[in-house]
Amino acid sequence: MQYNVKSTILGFDQISKVELSEIDELFSTLKSCDDDNTSFTVVNPYMLREYSFDVPKDIRELLDINEDSKVVVYNVMVVQDPLDESRINFMAPLIFNQGNGSMAQAVLDSEAHSEFGVAVSLKTFRP
């Protein structure tokens, strides 16, 4: 599904539209529709850990999120070789409103969510 980017993806100001494609229940690919050279591997955090936060008010308003909205959350993963050395950023979730095709990246308060982390190794969650 394609989404309009309503706020900047950190470090990628030029991206205005993305396509999210599920690989499996854990991994998905997020590709820029603006150029063929930019894509991200993203993960469903709920498949790895307890992950709960309040969507910031400005993001809720920007994405027109209400109690009836179908919202999904992913986190960017920097892929490494071997795969379990890959790093996941839990502090800057990508939030998607499937109902209206919009998405934004939130930056969470590190004091309120000190249990998360910016570069958590995938092997932390794998036996």
N, C-alpha and C. Protein backbone atom coordinates (compact mmCIF):
# COMPACT_ATOMS: atom_id res chain seq x y z
N MET A 1 0.85 -1.18 0.00
CA MET A 1 0.00 0.00 0.00
C MET A 1 0.89 1.24 0.00
N GLN A 2 0.44 2.28 -0.68
CA GLN A 2 1.20 3.53 -0.73
C GLN A 2 0.66 4.50 0.33
N TYR A 3 1.59 5.30 0.86
CA TYR A 3 1.27 6.27 1.90
C TYR A 3 1.89 7.62 1.57
N ASN A 4 1.17 8.69 1.87
CA ASN A 4 1.71 10.04 1.78
C ASN A 4 2.46 10.33 3.07
N VAL A 5 3.68 10.80 2.95
CA VAL A 5 4.52 11.11 4.10
C VAL A 5 4.13 12.50 4.59
N LYS A 6 3.61 12.58 5.80
CA LYS A 6 3.10 13.84 6.34
C LYS A 6 4.12 14.60 7.17
N SER A 7 5.17 13.93 7.61
CA SER A 7 6.29 14.60 8.27
C SER A 7 7.56 13.87 7.85
N THR A 8 8.66 14.52 7.93
CA THR A 8 9.91 14.00 7.42
C THR A 8 10.31 12.69 8.07
N ILE A 9 10.79 11.76 7.23
CA ILE A 9 11.47 10.58 7.74
C ILE A 9 12.90 11.05 8.02
N LEU A 10 13.36 10.86 9.24
CA LEU A 10 14.65 11.41 9.67
C LEU A 10 15.76 11.12 8.67
N GLY A 11 16.37 12.20 8.16
CA GLY A 11 17.47 12.09 7.22
C GLY A 11 17.04 11.94 5.77
N PHE A 12 15.74 11.91 5.52
CA PHE A 12 15.23 11.70 4.16
C PHE A 12 14.12 12.71 3.85
N ASP A 13 14.48 13.99 3.90
CA ASP A 13 13.52 15.07 3.71
C ASP A 13 12.81 15.04 2.36
N GLN A 14 13.47 14.46 1.35
CA GLN A 14 12.94 14.48 -0.01
C GLN A 14 11.81 13.48 -0.25
N ILE A 15 11.60 12.55 0.66
CA ILE A 15 10.59 11.52 0.44
C ILE A 15 9.20 12.05 0.78
N SER A 16 8.29 11.99 -0.19
CA SER A 16 6.93 12.47 0.04
C SER A 16 5.88 11.36 -0.06
N LYS A 17 6.27 10.23 -0.65
CA LYS A 17 5.35 9.10 -0.79
C LYS A 17 6.16 7.82 -0.69
N VAL A 18 5.60 6.81 0.02
CA VAL A 18 6.28 5.54 0.20
C VAL A 18 5.31 4.39 -0.06
N GLU A 19 5.91 3.23 -0.34
CA GLU A 19 5.11 2.02 -0.49
C GLU A 19 5.59 1.01 0.54
N LEU A 20 4.66 0.48 1.32
CA LEU A 20 4.95 -0.49 2.36
C LEU A 20 4.54 -1.87 1.85
N SER A 21 5.50 -2.81 1.83
CA SER A 21 5.25 -4.16 1.35
C SER A 21 5.69 -5.17 2.41
N GLU A 22 4.75 -5.97 2.86
CA GLU A 22 5.05 -6.97 3.88
C GLU A 22 5.82 -8.14 3.27
N ILE A 23 6.90 -8.54 3.95
CA ILE A 23 7.66 -9.72 3.55
C ILE A 23 7.13 -10.92 4.32
N ASP A 24 7.02 -10.77 5.62
CA ASP A 24 6.41 -11.77 6.50
C ASP A 24 5.88 -11.02 7.72
N GLU A 25 5.48 -11.73 8.77
CA GLU A 25 4.88 -11.03 9.91
C GLU A 25 5.86 -10.15 10.68
N LEU A 26 7.15 -10.37 10.51
CA LEU A 26 8.16 -9.55 11.18
C LEU A 26 8.73 -8.46 10.29
N PHE A 27 9.12 -8.81 9.07
CA PHE A 27 9.83 -7.88 8.18
C PHE A 27 8.93 -7.33 7.08
N SER A 28 9.16 -6.07 6.75
CA SER A 28 8.52 -5.42 5.61
C SER A 28 9.55 -4.53 4.94
N THR A 29 9.23 -4.07 3.74
CA THR A 29 10.08 -3.14 3.02
C THR A 29 9.30 -1.84 2.83
N LEU A 30 9.98 -0.73 3.07
CA LEU A 30 9.42 0.59 2.84
C LEU A 30 10.25 1.24 1.74
N LYS A 31 9.62 1.47 0.58
CA LYS A 31 10.33 2.03 -0.56
C LYS A 31 9.81 3.42 -0.88
N SER A 32 10.74 4.29 -1.24
CA SER A 32 10.37 5.63 -1.68
C SER A 32 9.72 5.53 -3.05
N CYS A 33 8.63 6.24 -3.24
CA CYS A 33 7.99 6.34 -4.55
C CYS A 33 8.59 7.50 -5.34
N ASP A 34 9.43 8.31 -4.68
CA ASP A 34 10.03 9.48 -5.30
C ASP A 34 11.31 9.15 -6.05
N ASP A 35 11.97 8.06 -5.65
CA ASP A 35 13.18 7.62 -6.36
C ASP A 35 13.33 6.12 -6.16
N ASP A 36 14.06 5.49 -7.04
CA ASP A 36 14.23 4.04 -6.99
C ASP A 36 15.37 3.60 -6.10
N ASN A 37 16.12 4.54 -5.55
CA ASN A 37 17.33 4.20 -4.82
C ASN A 37 17.17 4.16 -3.31
N THR A 38 16.00 4.52 -2.80
CA THR A 38 15.83 4.60 -1.35
C THR A 38 14.79 3.60 -0.88
N SER A 39 15.25 2.70 0.00
CA SER A 39 14.33 1.76 0.63
C SER A 39 14.85 1.41 2.01
N PHE A 40 13.96 0.95 2.83
CA PHE A 40 14.28 0.60 4.21
C PHE A 40 13.72 -0.77 4.52
N THR A 41 14.41 -1.49 5.36
CA THR A 41 13.85 -2.69 5.97
C THR A 41 13.24 -2.24 7.28
N VAL A 42 11.99 -2.58 7.49
CA VAL A 42 11.31 -2.21 8.73
C VAL A 42 10.79 -3.47 9.40
N VAL A 43 10.63 -3.38 10.72
CA VAL A 43 10.16 -4.53 11.48
C VAL A 43 8.91 -4.18 12.27
N ASN A 44 8.10 -5.19 12.47
CA ASN A 44 6.92 -5.08 13.32
C ASN A 44 7.41 -5.26 14.76
N PRO A 45 7.46 -4.20 15.55
CA PRO A 45 8.05 -4.31 16.89
C PRO A 45 7.29 -5.25 17.81
N TYR A 46 6.00 -5.42 17.57
CA TYR A 46 5.16 -6.24 18.44
C TYR A 46 5.47 -7.73 18.30
N MET A 47 6.20 -8.09 17.25
CA MET A 47 6.63 -9.47 17.07
C MET A 47 7.90 -9.75 17.88
N LEU A 48 8.54 -8.69 18.38
CA LEU A 48 9.81 -8.85 19.08
C LEU A 48 9.72 -8.59 20.58
N ARG A 49 8.85 -7.67 20.99
CA ARG A 49 8.89 -7.21 22.39
C ARG A 49 7.60 -6.53 22.78
N GLU A 50 7.49 -6.24 24.08
CA GLU A 50 6.44 -5.35 24.55
C GLU A 50 6.82 -3.95 24.03
N TYR A 51 5.88 -3.31 23.38
CA TYR A 51 6.18 -2.01 22.78
C TYR A 51 4.93 -1.17 22.86
N SER A 52 4.92 -0.25 23.79
CA SER A 52 3.73 0.57 24.00
C SER A 52 4.15 2.02 24.22
N PHE A 53 3.45 2.91 23.54
CA PHE A 53 3.68 4.34 23.70
C PHE A 53 2.43 5.06 23.23
N ASP A 54 2.28 6.28 23.70
CA ASP A 54 1.18 7.12 23.23
C ASP A 54 1.66 7.85 21.98
N VAL A 55 0.88 7.75 20.91
CA VAL A 55 1.22 8.49 19.70
C VAL A 55 1.14 9.98 20.04
N PRO A 56 2.23 10.71 19.80
CA PRO A 56 2.22 12.14 20.13
C PRO A 56 1.04 12.88 19.47
N LYS A 57 0.52 13.86 20.18
CA LYS A 57 -0.65 14.60 19.73
C LYS A 57 -0.46 15.20 18.34
N ASP A 58 0.72 15.77 18.07
CA ASP A 58 0.93 16.38 16.76
C ASP A 58 0.88 15.34 15.64
N ILE A 59 1.35 14.13 15.91
CA ILE A 59 1.29 13.05 14.90
C ILE A 59 -0.15 12.58 14.74
N ARG A 60 -0.88 12.44 15.84
CA ARG A 60 -2.31 12.05 15.75
C ARG A 60 -3.07 13.04 14.88
N GLU A 61 -2.82 14.33 15.08
CA GLU A 61 -3.52 15.35 14.30
C GLU A 61 -3.07 15.33 12.84
N LEU A 62 -1.78 15.20 12.63
CA LEU A 62 -1.22 15.19 11.28
C LEU A 62 -1.77 14.03 10.44
N LEU A 63 -1.92 12.87 11.09
CA LEU A 63 -2.40 11.67 10.39
C LEU A 63 -3.91 11.48 10.52
N ASP A 64 -4.58 12.41 11.19
CA ASP A 64 -6.02 12.34 11.41
C ASP A 64 -6.41 11.01 12.06
N ILE A 65 -5.70 10.68 13.15
CA ILE A 65 -5.94 9.43 13.88
C ILE A 65 -7.01 9.67 14.94
N ASN A 66 -8.00 8.78 14.94
CA ASN A 66 -9.03 8.81 15.97
C ASN A 66 -9.24 7.37 16.47
N GLU A 67 -10.20 7.17 17.34
CA GLU A 67 -10.41 5.85 17.94
C GLU A 67 -10.80 4.78 16.92
N ASP A 68 -11.29 5.16 15.76
CA ASP A 68 -11.68 4.20 14.73
C ASP A 68 -10.58 3.94 13.69
N SER A 69 -9.47 4.65 13.78
CA SER A 69 -8.40 4.53 12.78
C SER A 69 -7.69 3.18 12.88
N LYS A 70 -7.33 2.65 11.73
CA LYS A 70 -6.51 1.43 11.65
C LYS A 70 -5.07 1.90 11.53
N VAL A 71 -4.35 1.80 12.64
CA VAL A 71 -2.97 2.29 12.72
C VAL A 71 -2.02 1.11 12.86
N VAL A 72 -0.93 1.14 12.10
CA VAL A 72 0.13 0.16 12.25
C VAL A 72 1.44 0.90 12.50
N VAL A 73 2.35 0.22 13.19
CA VAL A 73 3.62 0.82 13.59
C VAL A 73 4.76 -0.10 13.16
N TYR A 74 5.80 0.50 12.62
CA TYR A 74 7.01 -0.23 12.24
C TYR A 74 8.22 0.55 12.74
N ASN A 75 9.34 -0.15 12.84
CA ASN A 75 10.60 0.48 13.21
C ASN A 75 11.64 0.18 12.15
N VAL A 76 12.48 1.16 11.87
CA VAL A 76 13.55 1.01 10.88
C VAL A 76 14.64 0.10 11.44
N MET A 77 15.10 -0.82 10.58
CA MET A 77 16.20 -1.70 10.93
C MET A 77 17.34 -1.47 9.96
N VAL A 78 18.55 -1.31 10.48
CA VAL A 78 19.74 -1.22 9.65
C VAL A 78 20.28 -2.63 9.52
N VAL A 79 20.19 -3.18 8.32
CA VAL A 79 20.56 -4.58 8.08
C VAL A 79 22.07 -4.73 8.07
N GLN A 80 22.53 -5.77 8.77
CA GLN A 80 23.94 -6.12 8.86
C GLN A 80 24.13 -7.58 8.45
N ASP A 81 25.37 -7.95 8.23
CA ASP A 81 25.71 -9.34 7.95
C ASP A 81 26.66 -9.80 9.04
N PRO A 82 26.26 -10.77 9.85
CA PRO A 82 25.07 -11.59 9.80
C PRO A 82 23.82 -10.82 10.25
N LEU A 83 22.67 -11.35 9.87
CA LEU A 83 21.39 -10.67 10.10
C LEU A 83 21.15 -10.34 11.57
N ASP A 84 21.56 -11.23 12.51
CA ASP A 84 21.25 -10.90 13.90
C ASP A 84 22.10 -9.76 14.46
N GLU A 85 23.05 -9.26 13.70
CA GLU A 85 23.80 -8.06 14.09
C GLU A 85 23.07 -6.77 13.64
N SER A 86 21.98 -6.92 12.93
CA SER A 86 21.19 -5.77 12.47
C SER A 86 20.68 -5.00 13.68
N ARG A 87 20.51 -3.69 13.50
CA ARG A 87 20.11 -2.79 14.59
C ARG A 87 18.74 -2.16 14.31
N ILE A 88 17.93 -2.08 15.35
CA ILE A 88 16.57 -1.55 15.25
C ILE A 88 16.45 -0.29 16.09
N ASN A 89 15.82 0.74 15.50
CA ASN A 89 15.58 2.00 16.20
C ASN A 89 14.15 1.99 16.75
N PHE A 90 14.03 1.76 18.06
CA PHE A 90 12.71 1.76 18.70
C PHE A 90 12.28 3.14 19.17
N MET A 91 13.18 4.13 19.09
CA MET A 91 12.87 5.47 19.57
C MET A 91 12.21 6.37 18.52
N ALA A 92 12.19 5.92 17.27
CA ALA A 92 11.61 6.74 16.20
C ALA A 92 10.69 5.88 15.33
N PRO A 93 9.54 5.47 15.89
CA PRO A 93 8.64 4.60 15.14
C PRO A 93 8.01 5.30 13.93
N LEU A 94 7.74 4.49 12.92
CA LEU A 94 6.99 4.93 11.74
C LEU A 94 5.54 4.56 11.99
N ILE A 95 4.66 5.54 11.90
CA ILE A 95 3.25 5.33 12.23
C ILE A 95 2.44 5.52 10.95
N PHE A 96 1.62 4.52 10.64
CA PHE A 96 0.83 4.50 9.41
C PHE A 96 -0.65 4.47 9.74
N ASN A 97 -1.41 5.39 9.14
CA ASN A 97 -2.87 5.36 9.22
C ASN A 97 -3.35 4.71 7.93
N GLN A 98 -3.75 3.45 8.03
CA GLN A 98 -4.16 2.71 6.84
C GLN A 98 -5.46 3.24 6.25
N GLY A 99 -6.27 3.88 7.07
CA GLY A 99 -7.56 4.38 6.60
C GLY A 99 -7.43 5.51 5.60
N ASN A 100 -6.46 6.39 5.79
CA ASN A 100 -6.35 7.53 4.88
C ASN A 100 -5.03 7.54 4.11
N GLY A 101 -4.22 6.48 4.24
CA GLY A 101 -2.99 6.39 3.45
C GLY A 101 -1.94 7.43 3.81
N SER A 102 -1.82 7.74 5.10
CA SER A 102 -0.82 8.71 5.52
C SER A 102 0.12 8.07 6.53
N MET A 103 1.34 8.61 6.62
CA MET A 103 2.31 8.11 7.59
C MET A 103 3.20 9.24 8.05
N ALA A 104 3.82 9.02 9.22
CA ALA A 104 4.76 9.99 9.78
C ALA A 104 5.69 9.23 10.72
N GLN A 105 6.83 9.84 10.97
CA GLN A 105 7.76 9.27 11.93
C GLN A 105 7.69 10.10 13.20
N ALA A 106 7.52 9.42 14.32
CA ALA A 106 7.52 10.08 15.62
C ALA A 106 8.89 9.90 16.26
N VAL A 107 9.28 10.84 17.08
CA VAL A 107 10.49 10.70 17.89
C VAL A 107 10.02 10.71 19.34
N LEU A 108 10.24 9.58 20.02
CA LEU A 108 9.74 9.43 21.37
C LEU A 108 10.69 10.07 22.38
N ASP A 109 10.14 10.43 23.51
CA ASP A 109 10.91 11.01 24.61
C ASP A 109 11.78 9.93 25.24
N SER A 110 13.09 10.12 25.20
CA SER A 110 14.02 9.09 25.69
C SER A 110 13.90 8.87 27.20
N GLU A 111 13.50 9.89 27.94
CA GLU A 111 13.32 9.71 29.39
C GLU A 111 12.08 8.88 29.68
N ALA A 112 11.01 9.11 28.96
CA ALA A 112 9.77 8.37 29.17
C ALA A 112 9.86 6.94 28.65
N HIS A 113 10.76 6.71 27.70
CA HIS A 113 10.87 5.38 27.08
C HIS A 113 12.31 4.89 27.09
N SER A 114 12.95 4.97 28.24
CA SER A 114 14.36 4.58 28.36
C SER A 114 14.57 3.09 28.09
N GLU A 115 13.52 2.29 28.15
CA GLU A 115 13.63 0.85 27.90
C GLU A 115 13.74 0.52 26.41
N PHE A 116 13.51 1.47 25.54
CA PHE A 116 13.55 1.22 24.11
C PHE A 116 14.99 1.23 23.61
N GLY A 117 15.42 2.19 22.90
CA GLY A 117 16.78 2.23 22.39
C GLY A 117 16.81 2.62 20.93
N VAL A 118 17.94 3.18 20.51
CA VAL A 118 18.10 3.68 19.15
C VAL A 118 18.76 2.65 18.24
N ALA A 119 19.56 1.75 18.80
CA ALA A 119 20.29 0.78 17.98
C ALA A 119 20.35 -0.56 18.71
N VAL A 120 19.18 -1.19 18.84
CA VAL A 120 19.07 -2.45 19.57
C VAL A 120 19.31 -3.60 18.59
N SER A 121 20.22 -4.48 18.95
CA SER A 121 20.58 -5.60 18.09
C SER A 121 19.43 -6.59 17.96
N LEU A 122 19.21 -7.07 16.75
CA LEU A 122 18.17 -8.07 16.50
C LEU A 122 18.42 -9.33 17.33
N LYS A 123 19.68 -9.67 17.55
CA LYS A 123 20.00 -10.90 18.29
C LYS A 123 19.50 -10.83 19.74
N THR A 124 19.22 -9.63 20.24
CA THR A 124 18.65 -9.47 21.58
C THR A 124 17.32 -10.24 21.69
N PHE A 125 16.62 -10.38 20.59
CA PHE A 125 15.28 -10.97 20.61
C PHE A 125 15.25 -12.39 20.05
N ARG A 126 16.37 -12.89 19.58
CA ARG A 126 16.44 -14.23 18.98
C ARG A 126 17.19 -15.18 19.91
N PRO A 127 16.66 -16.40 20.09
CA PRO A 127 17.36 -17.38 20.94
C PRO A 127 18.65 -17.85 20.29
